[in-house]
């Protein structure tokens, strides 16, 4: 899921602040990367 979310940035050549899908996908990926809880709870966060 993290790798997929990061793909939006690499494919679209956008970064946070450009007002694109990356502005949602990046915090999603960052949260999943650092999560310590079970998958369902981590995904919800």
ModelCIF file with pLDDT and N, C-alpha, C, O atoms, coordinates in Angstrom:
data_MODEL
#
_entry.id   MODEL 
#
_entity.id                         1 
_entity.type                       polymer 
_entity.pdbx_number_of_molecules   1 
#
_entity_poly.entity_id                      1 
_entity_poly.type                           'polypeptide(L)' 
_entity_poly.nstd_linkage                   no 
_entity_poly.nstd_monomer                   no 
_entity_poly.pdbx_seq_one_letter_code       
;(UNK)(UNK)(UNK)(UNK)(UNK)(UNK)(UNK)(UNK)(UNK)(UNK)(UNK)(UNK)(UNK)(UNK)(UNK)(UNK)
(UNK)(UNK)(UNK)(UNK)(UNK)(UNK)(UNK)(UNK)(UNK)(UNK)(UNK)(UNK)(UNK)(UNK)(UNK)(UNK)
(UNK)(UNK)(UNK)(UNK)(UNK)(UNK)(UNK)(UNK)(UNK)(UNK)(UNK)(UNK)(UNK)
;
_entity_poly.pdbx_seq_one_letter_code_can   XXXXXXXXXXXXXXXXXXXXXXXXXXXXXXXXXXXXXXXXXXXXX 
_entity_poly.pdbx_strand_id                 A 
#
loop_
_entity_poly_seq.entity_id 
_entity_poly_seq.num 
_entity_poly_seq.mon_id 
_entity_poly_seq.hetero 
1 1  UNK n 
1 2  UNK n 
1 3  UNK n 
1 4  UNK n 
1 5  UNK n 
1 6  UNK n 
1 7  UNK n 
1 8  UNK n 
1 9  UNK n 
1 10 UNK n 
1 11 UNK n 
1 12 UNK n 
1 13 UNK n 
1 14 UNK n 
1 15 UNK n 
1 16 UNK n 
1 17 UNK n 
1 18 UNK n 
1 19 UNK n 
1 20 UNK n 
1 21 UNK n 
1 22 UNK n 
1 23 UNK n 
1 24 UNK n 
1 25 UNK n 
1 26 UNK n 
1 27 UNK n 
1 28 UNK n 
1 29 UNK n 
1 30 UNK n 
1 31 UNK n 
1 32 UNK n 
1 33 UNK n 
1 34 UNK n 
1 35 UNK n 
1 36 UNK n 
1 37 UNK n 
1 38 UNK n 
1 39 UNK n 
1 40 UNK n 
1 41 UNK n 
1 42 UNK n 
1 43 UNK n 
1 44 UNK n 
1 45 UNK n 
#
_struct_asym.id          A 
_struct_asym.entity_id   1 
#
loop_
_ma_qa_metric.id 
_ma_qa_metric.mode 
_ma_qa_metric.name 
_ma_qa_metric.software_group_id 
_ma_qa_metric.type 
1 global pLDDT . pLDDT 
2 local  pLDDT . pLDDT 
#
_ma_qa_metric_global.metric_id      1 
_ma_qa_metric_global.metric_value   93.36 
_ma_qa_metric_global.model_id       1 
_ma_qa_metric_global.ordinal_id     1 
#
loop_
_ma_qa_metric_local.label_asym_id 
_ma_qa_metric_local.label_comp_id 
_ma_qa_metric_local.label_seq_id 
_ma_qa_metric_local.metric_id 
_ma_qa_metric_local.metric_value 
_ma_qa_metric_local.model_id 
_ma_qa_metric_local.ordinal_id 
A UNK 1  2 97.00 1 1  
A UNK 2  2 97.00 1 2  
A UNK 3  2 97.00 1 3  
A UNK 4  2 97.00 1 4  
A UNK 5  2 96.00 1 5  
A UNK 6  2 96.00 1 6  
A UNK 7  2 95.00 1 7  
A UNK 8  2 94.00 1 8  
A UNK 9  2 91.00 1 9  
A UNK 10 2 89.00 1 10 
A UNK 11 2 89.00 1 11 
A UNK 12 2 79.00 1 12 
A UNK 13 2 84.00 1 13 
A UNK 14 2 87.00 1 14 
A UNK 15 2 91.00 1 15 
A UNK 16 2 92.00 1 16 
A UNK 17 2 89.00 1 17 
A UNK 18 2 90.00 1 18 
A UNK 19 2 91.00 1 19 
A UNK 20 2 92.00 1 20 
A UNK 21 2 94.00 1 21 
A UNK 22 2 96.00 1 22 
A UNK 23 2 96.00 1 23 
A UNK 24 2 97.00 1 24 
A UNK 25 2 97.00 1 25 
A UNK 26 2 96.00 1 26 
A UNK 27 2 97.00 1 27 
A UNK 28 2 97.00 1 28 
A UNK 29 2 97.00 1 29 
A UNK 30 2 96.00 1 30 
A UNK 31 2 96.00 1 31 
A UNK 32 2 96.00 1 32 
A UNK 33 2 94.00 1 33 
A UNK 34 2 91.00 1 34 
A UNK 35 2 89.00 1 35 
A UNK 36 2 83.00 1 36 
A UNK 37 2 86.00 1 37 
A UNK 38 2 95.00 1 38 
A UNK 39 2 96.00 1 39 
A UNK 40 2 96.00 1 40 
A UNK 41 2 96.00 1 41 
A UNK 42 2 96.00 1 42 
A UNK 43 2 97.00 1 43 
A UNK 44 2 97.00 1 44 
A UNK 45 2 97.00 1 45 
#
loop_
_atom_site.group_PDB 
_atom_site.id 
_atom_site.type_symbol 
_atom_site.label_atom_id 
_atom_site.label_alt_id 
_atom_site.label_comp_id 
_atom_site.label_asym_id 
_atom_site.label_entity_id 
_atom_site.label_seq_id 
_atom_site.pdbx_PDB_ins_code 
_atom_site.Cartn_x 
_atom_site.Cartn_y 
_atom_site.Cartn_z 
_atom_site.occupancy 
_atom_site.B_iso_or_equiv 
_atom_site.pdbx_formal_charge 
_atom_site.auth_seq_id 
_atom_site.auth_comp_id 
_atom_site.auth_asym_id 
_atom_site.auth_atom_id 
_atom_site.pdbx_PDB_model_num 
ATOM 1   N N  . UNK A 1 1  ? 0.823  -1.204 0.000   1.00 97.00 ? 1  UNK A N  1 
ATOM 2   C CA . UNK A 1 1  ? 0.000  0.000  0.000   1.00 97.00 ? 1  UNK A CA 1 
ATOM 3   C C  . UNK A 1 1  ? 0.861  1.259  0.000   1.00 97.00 ? 1  UNK A C  1 
ATOM 4   O O  . UNK A 1 1  ? 0.551  2.230  -0.691  1.00 97.00 ? 1  UNK A O  1 
ATOM 5   N N  . UNK A 1 2  ? 1.937  1.240  0.772   1.00 97.00 ? 2  UNK A N  1 
ATOM 6   C CA . UNK A 1 2  ? 2.849  2.403  0.825   1.00 97.00 ? 2  UNK A CA 1 
ATOM 7   C C  . UNK A 1 2  ? 3.504  2.619  -0.534  1.00 97.00 ? 2  UNK A C  1 
ATOM 8   O O  . UNK A 1 2  ? 3.560  3.739  -1.041  1.00 97.00 ? 2  UNK A O  1 
ATOM 9   N N  . UNK A 1 3  ? 3.993  1.536  -1.110  1.00 97.00 ? 3  UNK A N  1 
ATOM 10  C CA . UNK A 1 3  ? 4.648  1.645  -2.420  1.00 97.00 ? 3  UNK A CA 1 
ATOM 11  C C  . UNK A 1 3  ? 3.662  2.175  -3.461  1.00 97.00 ? 3  UNK A C  1 
ATOM 12  O O  . UNK A 1 3  ? 4.021  3.014  -4.286  1.00 97.00 ? 3  UNK A O  1 
ATOM 13  N N  . UNK A 1 4  ? 2.427  1.689  -3.423  1.00 97.00 ? 4  UNK A N  1 
ATOM 14  C CA . UNK A 1 4  ? 1.414  2.161  -4.369  1.00 97.00 ? 4  UNK A CA 1 
ATOM 15  C C  . UNK A 1 4  ? 1.141  3.646  -4.170  1.00 97.00 ? 4  UNK A C  1 
ATOM 16  O O  . UNK A 1 4  ? 1.068  4.404  -5.138  1.00 97.00 ? 4  UNK A O  1 
ATOM 17  N N  . UNK A 1 5  ? 0.991  4.062  -2.911  1.00 96.00 ? 5  UNK A N  1 
ATOM 18  C CA . UNK A 1 5  ? 0.710  5.474  -2.636  1.00 96.00 ? 5  UNK A CA 1 
ATOM 19  C C  . UNK A 1 5  ? 1.861  6.358  -3.086  1.00 96.00 ? 5  UNK A C  1 
ATOM 20  O O  . UNK A 1 5  ? 1.634  7.461  -3.582  1.00 96.00 ? 5  UNK A O  1 
ATOM 21  N N  . UNK A 1 6  ? 3.082  5.895  -2.921  1.00 96.00 ? 6  UNK A N  1 
ATOM 22  C CA . UNK A 1 6  ? 4.248  6.676  -3.361  1.00 96.00 ? 6  UNK A CA 1 
ATOM 23  C C  . UNK A 1 6  ? 4.307  6.759  -4.889  1.00 96.00 ? 6  UNK A C  1 
ATOM 24  O O  . UNK A 1 6  ? 4.888  7.694  -5.440  1.00 96.00 ? 6  UNK A O  1 
ATOM 25  N N  . UNK A 1 7  ? 3.709  5.788  -5.567  1.00 95.00 ? 7  UNK A N  1 
ATOM 26  C CA . UNK A 1 7  ? 3.740  5.772  -7.029  1.00 95.00 ? 7  UNK A CA 1 
ATOM 27  C C  . UNK A 1 7  ? 3.024  6.973  -7.630  1.00 95.00 ? 7  UNK A C  1 
ATOM 28  O O  . UNK A 1 7  ? 3.399  7.445  -8.703  1.00 95.00 ? 7  UNK A O  1 
ATOM 29  N N  . UNK A 1 8  ? 2.001  7.467  -6.951  1.00 94.00 ? 8  UNK A N  1 
ATOM 30  C CA . UNK A 1 8  ? 1.294  8.654  -7.470  1.00 94.00 ? 8  UNK A CA 1 
ATOM 31  C C  . UNK A 1 8  ? 2.254  9.823  -7.647  1.00 94.00 ? 8  UNK A C  1 
ATOM 32  O O  . UNK A 1 8  ? 2.146  10.592 -8.603  1.00 94.00 ? 8  UNK A O  1 
ATOM 33  N N  . UNK A 1 9  ? 3.192  9.946  -6.717  1.00 91.00 ? 9  UNK A N  1 
ATOM 34  C CA . UNK A 1 9  ? 4.142  11.056 -6.796  1.00 91.00 ? 9  UNK A CA 1 
ATOM 35  C C  . UNK A 1 9  ? 5.148  10.847 -7.910  1.00 91.00 ? 9  UNK A C  1 
ATOM 36  O O  . UNK A 1 9  ? 5.449  11.780 -8.655  1.00 91.00 ? 9  UNK A O  1 
ATOM 37  N N  . UNK A 1 10 ? 5.672  9.637  -8.036  1.00 89.00 ? 10 UNK A N  1 
ATOM 38  C CA . UNK A 1 10 ? 6.696  9.387  -9.054  1.00 89.00 ? 10 UNK A CA 1 
ATOM 39  C C  . UNK A 1 10 ? 6.105  9.437  -10.462 1.00 89.00 ? 10 UNK A C  1 
ATOM 40  O O  . UNK A 1 10 ? 6.739  9.962  -11.378 1.00 89.00 ? 10 UNK A O  1 
ATOM 41  N N  . UNK A 1 11 ? 4.908  8.903  -10.643 1.00 89.00 ? 11 UNK A N  1 
ATOM 42  C CA . UNK A 1 11 ? 4.298  8.911  -11.973 1.00 89.00 ? 11 UNK A CA 1 
ATOM 43  C C  . UNK A 1 11 ? 3.849  10.309 -12.387 1.00 89.00 ? 11 UNK A C  1 
ATOM 44  O O  . UNK A 1 11 ? 4.055  10.727 -13.527 1.00 89.00 ? 11 UNK A O  1 
ATOM 45  N N  . UNK A 1 12 ? 3.232  11.023 -11.447 1.00 79.00 ? 12 UNK A N  1 
ATOM 46  C CA . UNK A 1 12 ? 2.691  12.339 -11.779 1.00 79.00 ? 12 UNK A CA 1 
ATOM 47  C C  . UNK A 1 12 ? 3.688  13.466 -11.678 1.00 79.00 ? 12 UNK A C  1 
ATOM 48  O O  . UNK A 1 12 ? 3.391  14.595 -12.068 1.00 79.00 ? 12 UNK A O  1 
ATOM 49  N N  . UNK A 1 13 ? 4.889  13.173 -11.151 1.00 84.00 ? 13 UNK A N  1 
ATOM 50  C CA . UNK A 1 13 ? 5.947  14.179 -10.996 1.00 84.00 ? 13 UNK A CA 1 
ATOM 51  C C  . UNK A 1 13 ? 5.429  15.407 -10.249 1.00 84.00 ? 13 UNK A C  1 
ATOM 52  O O  . UNK A 1 13 ? 5.729  16.547 -10.604 1.00 84.00 ? 13 UNK A O  1 
ATOM 53  N N  . UNK A 1 14 ? 4.637  15.140 -9.199  1.00 87.00 ? 14 UNK A N  1 
ATOM 54  C CA . UNK A 1 14 ? 4.109  16.213 -8.358  1.00 87.00 ? 14 UNK A CA 1 
ATOM 55  C C  . UNK A 1 14 ? 4.640  16.032 -6.942  1.00 87.00 ? 14 UNK A C  1 
ATOM 56  O O  . UNK A 1 14 ? 5.174  14.979 -6.594  1.00 87.00 ? 14 UNK A O  1 
ATOM 57  N N  . UNK A 1 15 ? 4.483  17.069 -6.137  1.00 91.00 ? 15 UNK A N  1 
ATOM 58  C CA . UNK A 1 15 ? 4.908  17.006 -4.743  1.00 91.00 ? 15 UNK A CA 1 
ATOM 59  C C  . UNK A 1 15 ? 3.818  17.618 -3.873  1.00 91.00 ? 15 UNK A C  1 
ATOM 60  O O  . UNK A 1 15 ? 2.892  18.260 -4.369  1.00 91.00 ? 15 UNK A O  1 
ATOM 61  N N  . UNK A 1 16 ? 3.944  17.409 -2.575  1.00 92.00 ? 16 UNK A N  1 
ATOM 62  C CA . UNK A 1 16 ? 2.972  17.959 -1.640  1.00 92.00 ? 16 UNK A CA 1 
ATOM 63  C C  . UNK A 1 16 ? 2.938  19.478 -1.796  1.00 92.00 ? 16 UNK A C  1 
ATOM 64  O O  . UNK A 1 16 ? 3.978  20.135 -1.825  1.00 92.00 ? 16 UNK A O  1 
ATOM 65  N N  . UNK A 1 17 ? 1.738  20.017 -1.896  1.00 89.00 ? 17 UNK A N  1 
ATOM 66  C CA . UNK A 1 17 ? 1.574  21.450 -2.090  1.00 89.00 ? 17 UNK A CA 1 
ATOM 67  C C  . UNK A 1 17 ? 1.227  21.846 -3.506  1.00 89.00 ? 17 UNK A C  1 
ATOM 68  O O  . UNK A 1 17 ? 0.869  22.998 -3.756  1.00 89.00 ? 17 UNK A O  1 
ATOM 69  N N  . UNK A 1 18 ? 1.327  20.898 -4.456  1.00 90.00 ? 18 UNK A N  1 
ATOM 70  C CA . UNK A 1 18 ? 0.993  21.190 -5.856  1.00 90.00 ? 18 UNK A CA 1 
ATOM 71  C C  . UNK A 1 18 ? -0.506 21.118 -6.131  1.00 90.00 ? 18 UNK A C  1 
ATOM 72  O O  . UNK A 1 18 ? -0.958 21.426 -7.233  1.00 90.00 ? 18 UNK A O  1 
ATOM 73  N N  . UNK A 1 19 ? -1.269 20.711 -5.124  1.00 91.00 ? 19 UNK A N  1 
ATOM 74  C CA . UNK A 1 19 ? -2.726 20.541 -5.238  1.00 91.00 ? 19 UNK A CA 1 
ATOM 75  C C  . UNK A 1 19 ? -3.061 19.416 -6.214  1.00 91.00 ? 19 UNK A C  1 
ATOM 76  O O  . UNK A 1 19 ? -3.674 19.631 -7.259  1.00 91.00 ? 19 UNK A O  1 
ATOM 77  N N  . UNK A 1 20 ? -2.642 18.222 -5.840  1.00 92.00 ? 20 UNK A N  1 
ATOM 78  C CA . UNK A 1 20 ? -2.919 17.022 -6.625  1.00 92.00 ? 20 UNK A CA 1 
ATOM 79  C C  . UNK A 1 20 ? -3.241 15.872 -5.671  1.00 92.00 ? 20 UNK A C  1 
ATOM 80  O O  . UNK A 1 20 ? -3.317 16.060 -4.457  1.00 92.00 ? 20 UNK A O  1 
ATOM 81  N N  . UNK A 1 21 ? -3.424 14.710 -6.225  1.00 94.00 ? 21 UNK A N  1 
ATOM 82  C CA . UNK A 1 21 ? -3.669 13.505 -5.429  1.00 94.00 ? 21 UNK A CA 1 
ATOM 83  C C  . UNK A 1 21 ? -2.537 13.224 -4.449  1.00 94.00 ? 21 UNK A C  1 
ATOM 84  O O  . UNK A 1 21 ? -2.738 12.580 -3.419  1.00 94.00 ? 21 UNK A O  1 
ATOM 85  N N  . UNK A 1 22 ? -1.344 13.713 -4.781  1.00 96.00 ? 22 UNK A N  1 
ATOM 86  C CA . UNK A 1 22 ? -0.174 13.504 -3.924  1.00 96.00 ? 22 UNK A CA 1 
ATOM 87  C C  . UNK A 1 22 ? -0.376 14.112 -2.538  1.00 96.00 ? 22 UNK A C  1 
ATOM 88  O O  . UNK A 1 22 ? 0.180  13.610 -1.561  1.00 96.00 ? 22 UNK A O  1 
ATOM 89  N N  . UNK A 1 23 ? -1.161 15.184 -2.437  1.00 96.00 ? 23 UNK A N  1 
ATOM 90  C CA . UNK A 1 23 ? -1.402 15.825 -1.141  1.00 96.00 ? 23 UNK A CA 1 
ATOM 91  C C  . UNK A 1 23 ? -2.170 14.920 -0.184  1.00 96.00 ? 23 UNK A C  1 
ATOM 92  O O  . UNK A 1 23 ? -2.121 15.133 1.027   1.00 96.00 ? 23 UNK A O  1 
ATOM 93  N N  . UNK A 1 24 ? -2.872 13.926 -0.693  1.00 97.00 ? 24 UNK A N  1 
ATOM 94  C CA . UNK A 1 24 ? -3.543 12.948 0.151   1.00 97.00 ? 24 UNK A CA 1 
ATOM 95  C C  . UNK A 1 24 ? -2.757 11.647 0.230   1.00 97.00 ? 24 UNK A C  1 
ATOM 96  O O  . UNK A 1 24 ? -2.700 11.015 1.285   1.00 97.00 ? 24 UNK A O  1 
ATOM 97  N N  . UNK A 1 25 ? -2.153 11.245 -0.885  1.00 97.00 ? 25 UNK A N  1 
ATOM 98  C CA . UNK A 1 25 ? -1.439 9.967  -0.924  1.00 97.00 ? 25 UNK A CA 1 
ATOM 99  C C  . UNK A 1 25 ? -0.174 9.978  -0.070  1.00 97.00 ? 25 UNK A C  1 
ATOM 100 O O  . UNK A 1 25 ? 0.169  8.963  0.537   1.00 97.00 ? 25 UNK A O  1 
ATOM 101 N N  . UNK A 1 26 ? 0.523  11.114 -0.016  1.00 96.00 ? 26 UNK A N  1 
ATOM 102 C CA . UNK A 1 26 ? 1.770  11.175 0.752   1.00 96.00 ? 26 UNK A CA 1 
ATOM 103 C C  . UNK A 1 26 ? 1.537  11.049 2.250   1.00 96.00 ? 26 UNK A C  1 
ATOM 104 O O  . UNK A 1 26 ? 2.201  10.231 2.887   1.00 96.00 ? 26 UNK A O  1 
ATOM 105 N N  . UNK A 1 27 ? 0.613  11.826 2.858   1.00 97.00 ? 27 UNK A N  1 
ATOM 106 C CA . UNK A 1 27 ? 0.380  11.597 4.292   1.00 97.00 ? 27 UNK A CA 1 
ATOM 107 C C  . UNK A 1 27 ? -0.167 10.203 4.589   1.00 97.00 ? 27 UNK A C  1 
ATOM 108 O O  . UNK A 1 27 ? 0.088  9.655  5.662   1.00 97.00 ? 27 UNK A O  1 
ATOM 109 N N  . UNK A 1 28 ? -0.913 9.626  3.653   1.00 97.00 ? 28 UNK A N  1 
ATOM 110 C CA . UNK A 1 28 ? -1.365 8.245  3.818   1.00 97.00 ? 28 UNK A CA 1 
ATOM 111 C C  . UNK A 1 28 ? -0.163 7.318  3.913   1.00 97.00 ? 28 UNK A C  1 
ATOM 112 O O  . UNK A 1 28 ? -0.089 6.485  4.816   1.00 97.00 ? 28 UNK A O  1 
ATOM 113 N N  . UNK A 1 29 ? 0.785  7.461  2.979   1.00 97.00 ? 29 UNK A N  1 
ATOM 114 C CA . UNK A 1 29 ? 1.969  6.598  2.966   1.00 97.00 ? 29 UNK A CA 1 
ATOM 115 C C  . UNK A 1 29 ? 2.823  6.808  4.215   1.00 97.00 ? 29 UNK A C  1 
ATOM 116 O O  . UNK A 1 29 ? 3.323  5.846  4.799   1.00 97.00 ? 29 UNK A O  1 
ATOM 117 N N  . UNK A 1 30 ? 2.987  8.049  4.617   1.00 96.00 ? 30 UNK A N  1 
ATOM 118 C CA . UNK A 1 30 ? 3.808  8.344  5.795   1.00 96.00 ? 30 UNK A CA 1 
ATOM 119 C C  . UNK A 1 30 ? 3.201  7.741  7.056   1.00 96.00 ? 30 UNK A C  1 
ATOM 120 O O  . UNK A 1 30 ? 3.916  7.227  7.916   1.00 96.00 ? 30 UNK A O  1 
ATOM 121 N N  . UNK A 1 31 ? 1.881  7.809  7.158   1.00 96.00 ? 31 UNK A N  1 
ATOM 122 C CA . UNK A 1 31 ? 1.212  7.235  8.324   1.00 96.00 ? 31 UNK A CA 1 
ATOM 123 C C  . UNK A 1 31 ? 1.336  5.715  8.339   1.00 96.00 ? 31 UNK A C  1 
ATOM 124 O O  . UNK A 1 31 ? 1.576  5.125  9.392   1.00 96.00 ? 31 UNK A O  1 
ATOM 125 N N  . UNK A 1 32 ? 1.176  5.081  7.187   1.00 96.00 ? 32 UNK A N  1 
ATOM 126 C CA . UNK A 1 32 ? 1.292  3.623  7.110   1.00 96.00 ? 32 UNK A CA 1 
ATOM 127 C C  . UNK A 1 32 ? 2.708  3.163  7.428   1.00 96.00 ? 32 UNK A C  1 
ATOM 128 O O  . UNK A 1 32 ? 2.904  2.118  8.050   1.00 96.00 ? 32 UNK A O  1 
ATOM 129 N N  . UNK A 1 33 ? 3.687  3.939  7.002   1.00 94.00 ? 33 UNK A N  1 
ATOM 130 C CA . UNK A 1 33 ? 5.090  3.563  7.227   1.00 94.00 ? 33 UNK A CA 1 
ATOM 131 C C  . UNK A 1 33 ? 5.445  3.535  8.704   1.00 94.00 ? 33 UNK A C  1 
ATOM 132 O O  . UNK A 1 33 ? 6.250  2.713  9.141   1.00 94.00 ? 33 UNK A O  1 
ATOM 133 N N  . UNK A 1 34 ? 4.851  4.425  9.460   1.00 91.00 ? 34 UNK A N  1 
ATOM 134 C CA . UNK A 1 34 ? 5.221  4.555  10.874  1.00 91.00 ? 34 UNK A CA 1 
ATOM 135 C C  . UNK A 1 34 ? 4.252  3.860  11.817  1.00 91.00 ? 34 UNK A C  1 
ATOM 136 O O  . UNK A 1 34 ? 4.455  3.882  13.031  1.00 91.00 ? 34 UNK A O  1 
ATOM 137 N N  . UNK A 1 35 ? 3.200  3.243  11.284  1.00 89.00 ? 35 UNK A N  1 
ATOM 138 C CA . UNK A 1 35 ? 2.176  2.626  12.124  1.00 89.00 ? 35 UNK A CA 1 
ATOM 139 C C  . UNK A 1 35 ? 2.721  1.421  12.874  1.00 89.00 ? 35 UNK A C  1 
ATOM 140 O O  . UNK A 1 35 ? 3.522  0.654  12.339  1.00 89.00 ? 35 UNK A O  1 
ATOM 141 N N  . UNK A 1 36 ? 2.279  1.262  14.120  1.00 83.00 ? 36 UNK A N  1 
ATOM 142 C CA . UNK A 1 36 ? 2.683  0.125  14.946  1.00 83.00 ? 36 UNK A CA 1 
ATOM 143 C C  . UNK A 1 36 ? 1.495  -0.789 15.250  1.00 83.00 ? 36 UNK A C  1 
ATOM 144 O O  . UNK A 1 36 ? 1.671  -1.875 15.801  1.00 83.00 ? 36 UNK A O  1 
ATOM 145 N N  . UNK A 1 37 ? 0.293  -0.352 14.894  1.00 86.00 ? 37 UNK A N  1 
ATOM 146 C CA . UNK A 1 37 ? -0.918 -1.095 15.233  1.00 86.00 ? 37 UNK A CA 1 
ATOM 147 C C  . UNK A 1 37 ? -1.250 -2.125 14.160  1.00 86.00 ? 37 UNK A C  1 
ATOM 148 O O  . UNK A 1 37 ? -0.544 -2.250 13.159  1.00 86.00 ? 37 UNK A O  1 
ATOM 149 N N  . UNK A 1 38 ? -2.340 -2.861 14.388  1.00 95.00 ? 38 UNK A N  1 
ATOM 150 C CA . UNK A 1 38 ? -2.800 -3.832 13.412  1.00 95.00 ? 38 UNK A CA 1 
ATOM 151 C C  . UNK A 1 38 ? -3.178 -3.119 12.110  1.00 95.00 ? 38 UNK A C  1 
ATOM 152 O O  . UNK A 1 38 ? -3.414 -1.912 12.090  1.00 95.00 ? 38 UNK A O  1 
ATOM 153 N N  . UNK A 1 39 ? -3.228 -3.891 11.035  1.00 96.00 ? 39 UNK A N  1 
ATOM 154 C CA . UNK A 1 39 ? -3.413 -3.306 9.702   1.00 96.00 ? 39 UNK A CA 1 
ATOM 155 C C  . UNK A 1 39 ? -4.687 -2.476 9.602   1.00 96.00 ? 39 UNK A C  1 
ATOM 156 O O  . UNK A 1 39 ? -4.654 -1.366 9.070   1.00 96.00 ? 39 UNK A O  1 
ATOM 157 N N  . UNK A 1 40 ? -5.817 -2.995 10.105  1.00 96.00 ? 40 UNK A N  1 
ATOM 158 C CA . UNK A 1 40 ? -7.083 -2.266 9.973   1.00 96.00 ? 40 UNK A CA 1 
ATOM 159 C C  . UNK A 1 40 ? -7.018 -0.914 10.684  1.00 96.00 ? 40 UNK A C  1 
ATOM 160 O O  . UNK A 1 40 ? -7.477 0.097  10.152  1.00 96.00 ? 40 UNK A O  1 
ATOM 161 N N  . UNK A 1 41 ? -6.453 -0.902 11.871  1.00 96.00 ? 41 UNK A N  1 
ATOM 162 C CA . UNK A 1 41 ? -6.350 0.355  12.618  1.00 96.00 ? 41 UNK A CA 1 
ATOM 163 C C  . UNK A 1 41 ? -5.349 1.300  11.948  1.00 96.00 ? 41 UNK A C  1 
ATOM 164 O O  . UNK A 1 41 ? -5.580 2.506  11.862  1.00 96.00 ? 41 UNK A O  1 
ATOM 165 N N  . UNK A 1 42 ? -4.244 0.738  11.481  1.00 96.00 ? 42 UNK A N  1 
ATOM 166 C CA . UNK A 1 42 ? -3.225 1.552  10.808  1.00 96.00 ? 42 UNK A CA 1 
ATOM 167 C C  . UNK A 1 42 ? -3.812 2.180  9.542   1.00 96.00 ? 42 UNK A C  1 
ATOM 168 O O  . UNK A 1 42 ? -3.573 3.352  9.250   1.00 96.00 ? 42 UNK A O  1 
ATOM 169 N N  . UNK A 1 43 ? -4.577 1.389  8.799   1.00 97.00 ? 43 UNK A N  1 
ATOM 170 C CA . UNK A 1 43 ? -5.167 1.904  7.547   1.00 97.00 ? 43 UNK A CA 1 
ATOM 171 C C  . UNK A 1 43 ? -6.192 2.998  7.854   1.00 97.00 ? 43 UNK A C  1 
ATOM 172 O O  . UNK A 1 43 ? -6.267 4.006  7.150   1.00 97.00 ? 43 UNK A O  1 
ATOM 173 N N  . UNK A 1 44 ? -6.983 2.787  8.915   1.00 97.00 ? 44 UNK A N  1 
ATOM 174 C CA . UNK A 1 44 ? -7.980 3.790  9.283   1.00 97.00 ? 44 UNK A CA 1 
ATOM 175 C C  . UNK A 1 44 ? -7.314 5.113  9.625   1.00 97.00 ? 44 UNK A C  1 
ATOM 176 O O  . UNK A 1 44 ? -7.779 6.172  9.204   1.00 97.00 ? 44 UNK A O  1 
ATOM 177 N N  . UNK A 1 45 ? -6.215 5.058  10.393  1.00 97.00 ? 45 UNK A N  1 
ATOM 178 C CA . UNK A 1 45 ? -5.487 6.277  10.746  1.00 97.00 ? 45 UNK A CA 1 
ATOM 179 C C  . UNK A 1 45 ? -4.895 6.926  9.500   1.00 97.00 ? 45 UNK A C  1 
ATOM 180 O O  . UNK A 1 45 ? -4.245 7.966  9.596   1.00 97.00 ? 45 UNK A O  1 
#
